Amino acid sequence: MMQNIKTVVAEYAAAKTAGNFDVAAVIAGEAVRLIHDIPAAAEIVDRIALEAEQILTGRRNSALASAG
């Protein structure tokens, strides 16, 4: 296969462009199942800030349990 690498790369790129995912496989890990929503960036920042505040004030039990 290494002797045909340029051909294989070109075929893969063409299949990807054409949306032929039988050739250009989409590889996704186990974490895909962990995505349950697609929030706006502002919401993500708000979540991070709230979680940080909870950790800093000791109100997030799971963070405290794993730190100890």
C-alpha atoms as a PDB file:
ATOM      1  CA  MET A   1       0.000   0.000   0.000  1.00  0.00           C
ATOM      2  CA  MET A   2       2.857   2.411   0.732  1.00  0.00           C
ATOM      3  CA  GLN A   3       3.911   2.299  -2.903  1.00  0.00           C
ATOM      4  CA  ASN A   4       0.421   3.572  -3.847  1.00  0.00           C
ATOM      5  CA  ILE A   5       0.126   6.167  -1.094  1.00  0.00           C
ATOM      6  CA  LYS A   6      -0.325   9.116  -3.465  1.00  0.00           C
ATOM      7  CA  THR A   7      -3.115   7.323  -5.293  1.00  0.00           C
ATOM      8  CA  VAL A   8      -4.823   6.292  -2.061  1.00  0.00           C
ATOM      9  CA  VAL A   9      -4.592   9.828  -0.648  1.00  0.00           C
ATOM     10  CA  ALA A  10      -6.089  11.261  -3.848  1.00  0.00           C
ATOM     11  CA  GLU A  11      -8.914   8.698  -3.842  1.00  0.00           C
ATOM     12  CA  TYR A  12      -9.668   9.394  -0.192  1.00  0.00           C
ATOM     13  CA  ALA A  13      -9.724  13.176  -0.778  1.00  0.00           C
ATOM     14  CA  ALA A  14     -12.024  12.777  -3.785  1.00  0.00           C
ATOM     15  CA  ALA A  15     -14.370  10.498  -1.839  1.00  0.00           C
ATOM     16  CA  LYS A  16     -14.453  12.938   1.078  1.00  0.00           C
ATOM     17  CA  THR A  17     -15.264  15.848  -1.235  1.00  0.00           C
ATOM     18  CA  ALA A  18     -17.987  13.804  -2.926  1.00  0.00           C
ATOM     19  CA  GLY A  19     -19.457  12.728   0.421  1.00  0.00           C
ATOM     20  CA  ASN A  20     -18.710   9.078  -0.286  1.00  0.00           C
ATOM     21  CA  PHE A  21     -18.207   7.905   3.256  1.00  0.00           C
ATOM     22  CA  ASP A  22     -17.972   4.270   2.208  1.00  0.00           C
ATOM     23  CA  VAL A  23     -14.453   5.180   1.092  1.00  0.00           C
ATOM     24  CA  ALA A  24     -13.748   8.247   3.254  1.00  0.00           C
ATOM     25  CA  ALA A  25     -14.750   6.776   6.583  1.00  0.00           C
ATOM     26  CA  VAL A  26     -15.786   9.052   9.404  1.00  0.00           C
ATOM     27  CA  ILE A  27     -13.992   7.999  12.546  1.00  0.00           C
ATOM     28  CA  ALA A  28     -15.596   8.981  15.829  1.00  0.00           C
ATOM     29  CA  GLY A  29     -14.658   7.949  19.321  1.00  0.00           C
ATOM     30  CA  GLU A  30     -16.682   6.819  22.296  1.00  0.00           C
ATOM     31  CA  ALA A  31     -17.085  10.424  23.431  1.00  0.00           C
ATOM     32  CA  VAL A  32     -19.621  11.063  20.668  1.00  0.00           C
ATOM     33  CA  ARG A  33     -22.336   9.645  22.895  1.00  0.00           C
ATOM     34  CA  LEU A  34     -21.472  12.247  25.529  1.00  0.00           C
ATOM     35  CA  ILE A  35     -22.688  15.112  23.331  1.00  0.00           C
ATOM     36  CA  HIS A  36     -26.274  15.912  24.212  1.00  0.00           C
ATOM     37  CA  ASP A  37     -26.579  19.533  23.113  1.00  0.00           C
ATOM     38  CA  ILE A  38     -24.843  22.224  21.108  1.00  0.00           C
ATOM     39  CA  PRO A  39     -24.992  25.345  23.266  1.00  0.00           C
ATOM     40  CA  ALA A  40     -23.974  28.817  22.236  1.00  0.00           C
ATOM     41  CA  ALA A  41     -20.494  29.971  23.244  1.00  0.00           C
ATOM     42  CA  ALA A  42     -21.963  32.349  25.836  1.00  0.00           C
ATOM     43  CA  GLU A  43     -23.775  29.451  27.499  1.00  0.00           C
ATOM     44  CA  ILE A  44     -20.581  27.403  27.633  1.00  0.00           C
ATOM     45  CA  VAL A  45     -18.739  30.298  29.290  1.00  0.00           C
ATOM     46  CA  ASP A  46     -21.617  30.706  31.760  1.00  0.00           C
ATOM     47  CA  ARG A  47     -21.492  26.982  32.610  1.00  0.00           C
ATOM     48  CA  ILE A  48     -17.734  27.087  33.151  1.00  0.00           C
ATOM     49  CA  ALA A  49     -18.016  30.182  35.355  1.00  0.00           C
ATOM     50  CA  LEU A  50     -20.821  28.621  37.425  1.00  0.00           C
ATOM     51  CA  GLU A  51     -18.902  25.366  37.885  1.00  0.00           C
ATOM     52  CA  ALA A  52     -15.763  27.272  38.884  1.00  0.00           C
ATOM     53  CA  GLU A  53     -17.737  29.317  41.406  1.00  0.00           C
ATOM     54  CA  GLN A  54     -19.285  26.148  42.850  1.00  0.00           C
ATOM     55  CA  ILE A  55     -15.885  24.505  43.177  1.00  0.00           C
ATOM     56  CA  LEU A  56     -14.296  27.565  44.763  1.00  0.00           C
ATOM     57  CA  THR A  57     -17.100  27.936  47.304  1.00  0.00           C
ATOM     58  CA  GLY A  58     -17.163  24.207  48.103  1.00  0.00           C
ATOM     59  CA  ARG A  59     -20.677  23.613  46.846  1.00  0.00           C
ATOM     60  CA  ARG A  60     -19.782  21.007  44.251  1.00  0.00           C
ATOM     61  CA  ASN A  61     -19.628  17.740  46.130  1.00  0.00           C
ATOM     62  CA  SER A  62     -18.316  15.651  43.216  1.00  0.00           C
ATOM     63  CA  ALA A  63     -15.321  17.977  42.821  1.00  0.00           C
ATOM     64  CA  LEU A  64     -14.589  17.850  46.515  1.00  0.00           C
ATOM     65  CA  ALA A  65     -14.913  14.069  46.677  1.00  0.00           C
ATOM     66  CA  SER A  66     -12.498  13.491  43.819  1.00  0.00           C
ATOM     67  CA  ALA A  67      -9.983  15.979  45.242  1.00  0.00           C
ATOM     68  CA  GLY A  68      -9.822  14.203  48.579  1.00  0.00           C
END
